[in-house]
Amino acid sequence: CRSLYERDEANVFAEPSVISECLLPHLLNLVKHYPESSTLAKNLEHWARN
């Protein structure tokens, strides 16, 4: 009997390096605009400290 669904792939997000690789470009883009926005600066500082 064949399944109607494809077999699930391994959970790529279980590997921290995959998450880092996905998030890093977005985080770097935020940091680039950090000096331009006081709201962004406050939010990034709060996120980094917690």
PDB file of N, CA and C in Angstrom:
ATOM      1  N   CYS A   1       0.835  -1.182   0.000  1.00  0.00           N
ATOM      2  CA  CYS A   1       0.000   0.000   0.000  1.00  0.00           C
ATOM      3  C   CYS A   1       0.885   1.253   0.000  1.00  0.00           C
ATOM      4  N   ARG A   2       0.642   2.140  -0.901  1.00  0.00           N
ATOM      5  CA  ARG A   2       1.418   3.384  -0.976  1.00  0.00           C
ATOM      6  C   ARG A   2       0.688   4.484  -0.234  1.00  0.00           C
ATOM      7  N   SER A   3       1.473   5.364   0.360  1.00  0.00           N
ATOM      8  CA  SER A   3       0.904   6.503   1.068  1.00  0.00           C
ATOM      9  C   SER A   3       0.590   7.618   0.074  1.00  0.00           C
ATOM     10  N   LEU A   4      -0.413   8.400   0.392  1.00  0.00           N
ATOM     11  CA  LEU A   4      -0.746   9.556  -0.434  1.00  0.00           C
ATOM     12  C   LEU A   4       0.205  10.717  -0.195  1.00  0.00           C
ATOM     13  N   TYR A   5       0.943  10.639   0.905  1.00  0.00           N
ATOM     14  CA  TYR A   5       1.824  11.731   1.297  1.00  0.00           C
ATOM     15  C   TYR A   5       3.282  11.329   1.152  1.00  0.00           C
ATOM     16  N   GLU A   6       4.108  12.315   0.822  1.00  0.00           N
ATOM     17  CA  GLU A   6       5.541  12.050   0.772  1.00  0.00           C
ATOM     18  C   GLU A   6       6.059  11.852   2.184  1.00  0.00           C
ATOM     19  N   ARG A   7       7.129  11.145   2.275  1.00  0.00           N
ATOM     20  CA  ARG A   7       7.753  10.914   3.572  1.00  0.00           C
ATOM     21  C   ARG A   7       8.316  12.227   4.108  1.00  0.00           C
ATOM     22  N   ASP A   8       8.118  12.463   5.403  1.00  0.00           N
ATOM     23  CA  ASP A   8       8.635  13.686   6.027  1.00  0.00           C
ATOM     24  C   ASP A   8      10.145  13.707   6.005  1.00  0.00           C
ATOM     25  N   GLU A   9      10.690  14.888   5.753  1.00  0.00           N
ATOM     26  CA  GLU A   9      12.136  15.053   5.826  1.00  0.00           C
ATOM     27  C   GLU A   9      12.536  15.324   7.267  1.00  0.00           C
ATOM     28  N   ALA A  10      13.814  15.184   7.529  1.00  0.00           N
ATOM     29  CA  ALA A  10      14.323  15.446   8.877  1.00  0.00           C
ATOM     30  C   ALA A  10      14.044  16.893   9.252  1.00  0.00           C
ATOM     31  N   ASN A  11      13.874  17.128  10.523  1.00  0.00           N
ATOM     32  CA  ASN A  11      13.615  18.478  11.016  1.00  0.00           C
ATOM     33  C   ASN A  11      14.903  19.288  10.947  1.00  0.00           C
ATOM     34  N   VAL A  12      15.021  20.139   9.931  1.00  0.00           N
ATOM     35  CA  VAL A  12      16.248  20.914   9.750  1.00  0.00           C
ATOM     36  C   VAL A  12      16.426  21.942  10.852  1.00  0.00           C
ATOM     37  N   PHE A  13      15.341  22.331  11.512  1.00  0.00           N
ATOM     38  CA  PHE A  13      15.445  23.337  12.561  1.00  0.00           C
ATOM     39  C   PHE A  13      15.920  22.754  13.886  1.00  0.00           C
ATOM     40  N   ALA A  14      16.116  21.445  13.938  1.00  0.00           N
ATOM     41  CA  ALA A  14      16.699  20.846  15.128  1.00  0.00           C
ATOM     42  C   ALA A  14      18.193  21.156  15.196  1.00  0.00           C
ATOM     43  N   GLU A  15      18.760  21.549  14.094  1.00  0.00           N
ATOM     44  CA  GLU A  15      20.188  21.872  14.020  1.00  0.00           C
ATOM     45  C   GLU A  15      20.365  23.382  14.155  1.00  0.00           C
ATOM     46  N   PRO A  16      21.029  23.849  15.231  1.00  0.00           N
ATOM     47  CA  PRO A  16      21.180  25.295  15.463  1.00  0.00           C
ATOM     48  C   PRO A  16      21.844  26.049  14.317  1.00  0.00           C
ATOM     49  N   SER A  17      22.764  25.429  13.622  1.00  0.00           N
ATOM     50  CA  SER A  17      23.447  26.143  12.541  1.00  0.00           C
ATOM     51  C   SER A  17      22.487  26.488  11.403  1.00  0.00           C
ATOM     52  N   VAL A  18      21.475  25.673  11.196  1.00  0.00           N
ATOM     53  CA  VAL A  18      20.493  25.952  10.149  1.00  0.00           C
ATOM     54  C   VAL A  18      19.668  27.176  10.526  1.00  0.00           C
ATOM     55  N   ILE A  19      19.261  27.250  11.782  1.00  0.00           N
ATOM     56  CA  ILE A  19      18.507  28.408  12.257  1.00  0.00           C
ATOM     57  C   ILE A  19      19.358  29.660  12.129  1.00  0.00           C
ATOM     58  N   SER A  20      20.604  29.563  12.541  1.00  0.00           N
ATOM     59  CA  SER A  20      21.511  30.714  12.455  1.00  0.00           C
ATOM     60  C   SER A  20      21.682  31.170  11.015  1.00  0.00           C
ATOM     61  N   GLU A  21      21.832  30.230  10.122  1.00  0.00           N
ATOM     62  CA  GLU A  21      22.027  30.567   8.711  1.00  0.00           C
ATOM     63  C   GLU A  21      20.790  31.260   8.134  1.00  0.00           C
ATOM     64  N   CYS A  22      19.617  30.865   8.603  1.00  0.00           N
ATOM     65  CA  CYS A  22      18.376  31.491   8.124  1.00  0.00           C
ATOM     66  C   CYS A  22      18.184  32.885   8.706  1.00  0.00           C
ATOM     67  N   LEU A  23      18.516  33.054   9.974  1.00  0.00           N
ATOM     68  CA  LEU A  23      18.262  34.321  10.663  1.00  0.00           C
ATOM     69  C   LEU A  23      19.345  35.369  10.474  1.00  0.00           C
ATOM     70  N   LEU A  24      20.571  34.949  10.294  1.00  0.00           N
ATOM     71  CA  LEU A  24      21.687  35.888  10.268  1.00  0.00           C
ATOM     72  C   LEU A  24      21.522  37.013   9.245  1.00  0.00           C
ATOM     73  N   PRO A  25      21.150  36.750   8.013  1.00  0.00           N
ATOM     74  CA  PRO A  25      20.998  37.866   7.061  1.00  0.00           C
ATOM     75  C   PRO A  25      19.972  38.905   7.524  1.00  0.00           C
ATOM     76  N   HIS A  26      18.892  38.443   8.134  1.00  0.00           N
ATOM     77  CA  HIS A  26      17.857  39.364   8.610  1.00  0.00           C
ATOM     78  C   HIS A  26      18.352  40.171   9.808  1.00  0.00           C
ATOM     79  N   LEU A  27      19.057  39.510  10.709  1.00  0.00           N
ATOM     80  CA  LEU A  27      19.608  40.220  11.867  1.00  0.00           C
ATOM     81  C   LEU A  27      20.640  41.253  11.440  1.00  0.00           C
ATOM     82  N   LEU A  28      21.480  40.900  10.486  1.00  0.00           N
ATOM     83  CA  LEU A  28      22.478  41.856   9.994  1.00  0.00           C
ATOM     84  C   LEU A  28      21.814  43.060   9.326  1.00  0.00           C
ATOM     85  N   ASN A  29      20.720  42.825   8.633  1.00  0.00           N
ATOM     86  CA  ASN A  29      19.981  43.926   8.016  1.00  0.00           C
ATOM     87  C   ASN A  29      19.401  44.854   9.084  1.00  0.00           C
ATOM     88  N   LEU A  30      18.875  44.286  10.163  1.00  0.00           N
ATOM     89  CA  LEU A  30      18.363  45.106  11.265  1.00  0.00           C
ATOM     90  C   LEU A  30      19.469  45.936  11.894  1.00  0.00           C
ATOM     91  N   VAL A  31      20.603  45.305  12.122  1.00  0.00           N
ATOM     92  CA  VAL A  31      21.722  46.000  12.763  1.00  0.00           C
ATOM     93  C   VAL A  31      22.226  47.139  11.872  1.00  0.00           C
ATOM     94  N   LYS A  32      22.168  46.957  10.571  1.00  0.00           N
ATOM     95  CA  LYS A  32      22.604  48.000   9.642  1.00  0.00           C
ATOM     96  C   LYS A  32      21.757  49.269   9.812  1.00  0.00           C
ATOM     97  N   HIS A  33      20.476  49.092  10.119  1.00  0.00           N
ATOM     98  CA  HIS A  33      19.560  50.227  10.278  1.00  0.00           C
ATOM     99  C   HIS A  33      19.441  50.685  11.730  1.00  0.00           C
ATOM    100  N   TYR A  34      20.169  50.058  12.602  1.00  0.00           N
ATOM    101  CA  TYR A  34      20.132  50.350  14.039  1.00  0.00           C
ATOM    102  C   TYR A  34      20.295  51.833  14.356  1.00  0.00           C
ATOM    103  N   PRO A  35      21.298  52.542  13.802  1.00  0.00           N
ATOM    104  CA  PRO A  35      21.490  53.956  14.151  1.00  0.00           C
ATOM    105  C   PRO A  35      20.369  54.876  13.642  1.00  0.00           C
ATOM    106  N   GLU A  36      19.605  54.430  12.670  1.00  0.00           N
ATOM    107  CA  GLU A  36      18.586  55.280  12.054  1.00  0.00           C
ATOM    108  C   GLU A  36      17.276  55.327  12.830  1.00  0.00           C
ATOM    109  N   SER A  37      17.059  54.394  13.742  1.00  0.00           N
ATOM    110  CA  SER A  37      15.764  54.297  14.410  1.00  0.00           C
ATOM    111  C   SER A  37      15.940  54.041  15.899  1.00  0.00           C
ATOM    112  N   SER A  38      15.474  54.979  16.718  1.00  0.00           N
ATOM    113  CA  SER A  38      15.587  54.787  18.164  1.00  0.00           C
ATOM    114  C   SER A  38      14.673  53.658  18.633  1.00  0.00           C
ATOM    115  N   THR A  39      13.523  53.486  17.986  1.00  0.00           N
ATOM    116  CA  THR A  39      12.616  52.393  18.351  1.00  0.00           C
ATOM    117  C   THR A  39      13.261  51.048  18.052  1.00  0.00           C
ATOM    118  N   LEU A  40      13.867  50.927  16.890  1.00  0.00           N
ATOM    119  CA  LEU A  40      14.564  49.695  16.535  1.00  0.00           C
ATOM    120  C   LEU A  40      15.702  49.433  17.510  1.00  0.00           C
ATOM    121  N   ALA A  41      16.435  50.474  17.853  1.00  0.00           N
ATOM    122  CA  ALA A  41      17.547  50.326  18.791  1.00  0.00           C
ATOM    123  C   ALA A  41      17.053  49.800  20.134  1.00  0.00           C
ATOM    124  N   LYS A  42      15.973  50.352  20.646  1.00  0.00           N
ATOM    125  CA  LYS A  42      15.420  49.894  21.932  1.00  0.00           C
ATOM    126  C   LYS A  42      14.957  48.446  21.842  1.00  0.00           C
ATOM    127  N   ASN A  43      14.263  48.109  20.761  1.00  0.00           N
ATOM    128  CA  ASN A  43      13.774  46.737  20.602  1.00  0.00           C
ATOM    129  C   ASN A  43      14.915  45.735  20.480  1.00  0.00           C
ATOM    130  N   LEU A  44      15.951  46.077  19.710  1.00  0.00           N
ATOM    131  CA  LEU A  44      17.092  45.169  19.570  1.00  0.00           C
ATOM    132  C   LEU A  44      17.836  44.997  20.884  1.00  0.00           C
ATOM    133  N   GLU A  45      18.007  46.079  21.623  1.00  0.00           N
ATOM    134  CA  GLU A  45      18.682  45.972  22.920  1.00  0.00           C
ATOM    135  C   GLU A  45      17.881  45.101  23.873  1.00  0.00           C
ATOM    136  N   HIS A  46      16.575  45.291  23.904  1.00  0.00           N
ATOM    137  CA  HIS A  46      15.716  44.486  24.781  1.00  0.00           C
ATOM    138  C   HIS A  46      15.795  43.008  24.395  1.00  0.00           C
ATOM    139  N   TRP A  47      15.741  42.726  23.090  1.00  0.00           N
ATOM    140  CA  TRP A  47      15.802  41.351  22.609  1.00  0.00           C
ATOM    141  C   TRP A  47      17.146  40.707  22.941  1.00  0.00           C
ATOM    142  N   ALA A  48      18.229  41.459  22.762  1.00  0.00           N
ATOM    143  CA  ALA A  48      19.568  40.912  22.993  1.00  0.00           C
ATOM    144  C   ALA A  48      19.816  40.634  24.471  1.00  0.00           C
ATOM    145  N   ARG A  49      19.242  41.438  25.335  1.00  0.00           N
ATOM    146  CA  ARG A  49      19.468  41.259  26.778  1.00  0.00           C
ATOM    147  C   ARG A  49      18.611  40.146  27.362  1.00  0.00           C
ATOM    148  N   ASN A  50      17.511  39.822  26.718  1.00  0.00           N
ATOM    149  CA  ASN A  50      16.601  38.801  27.263  1.00  0.00           C
ATOM    150  C   ASN A  50      16.712  37.539  26.531  1.00  0.00           C
TER     151      ASN A  50
END
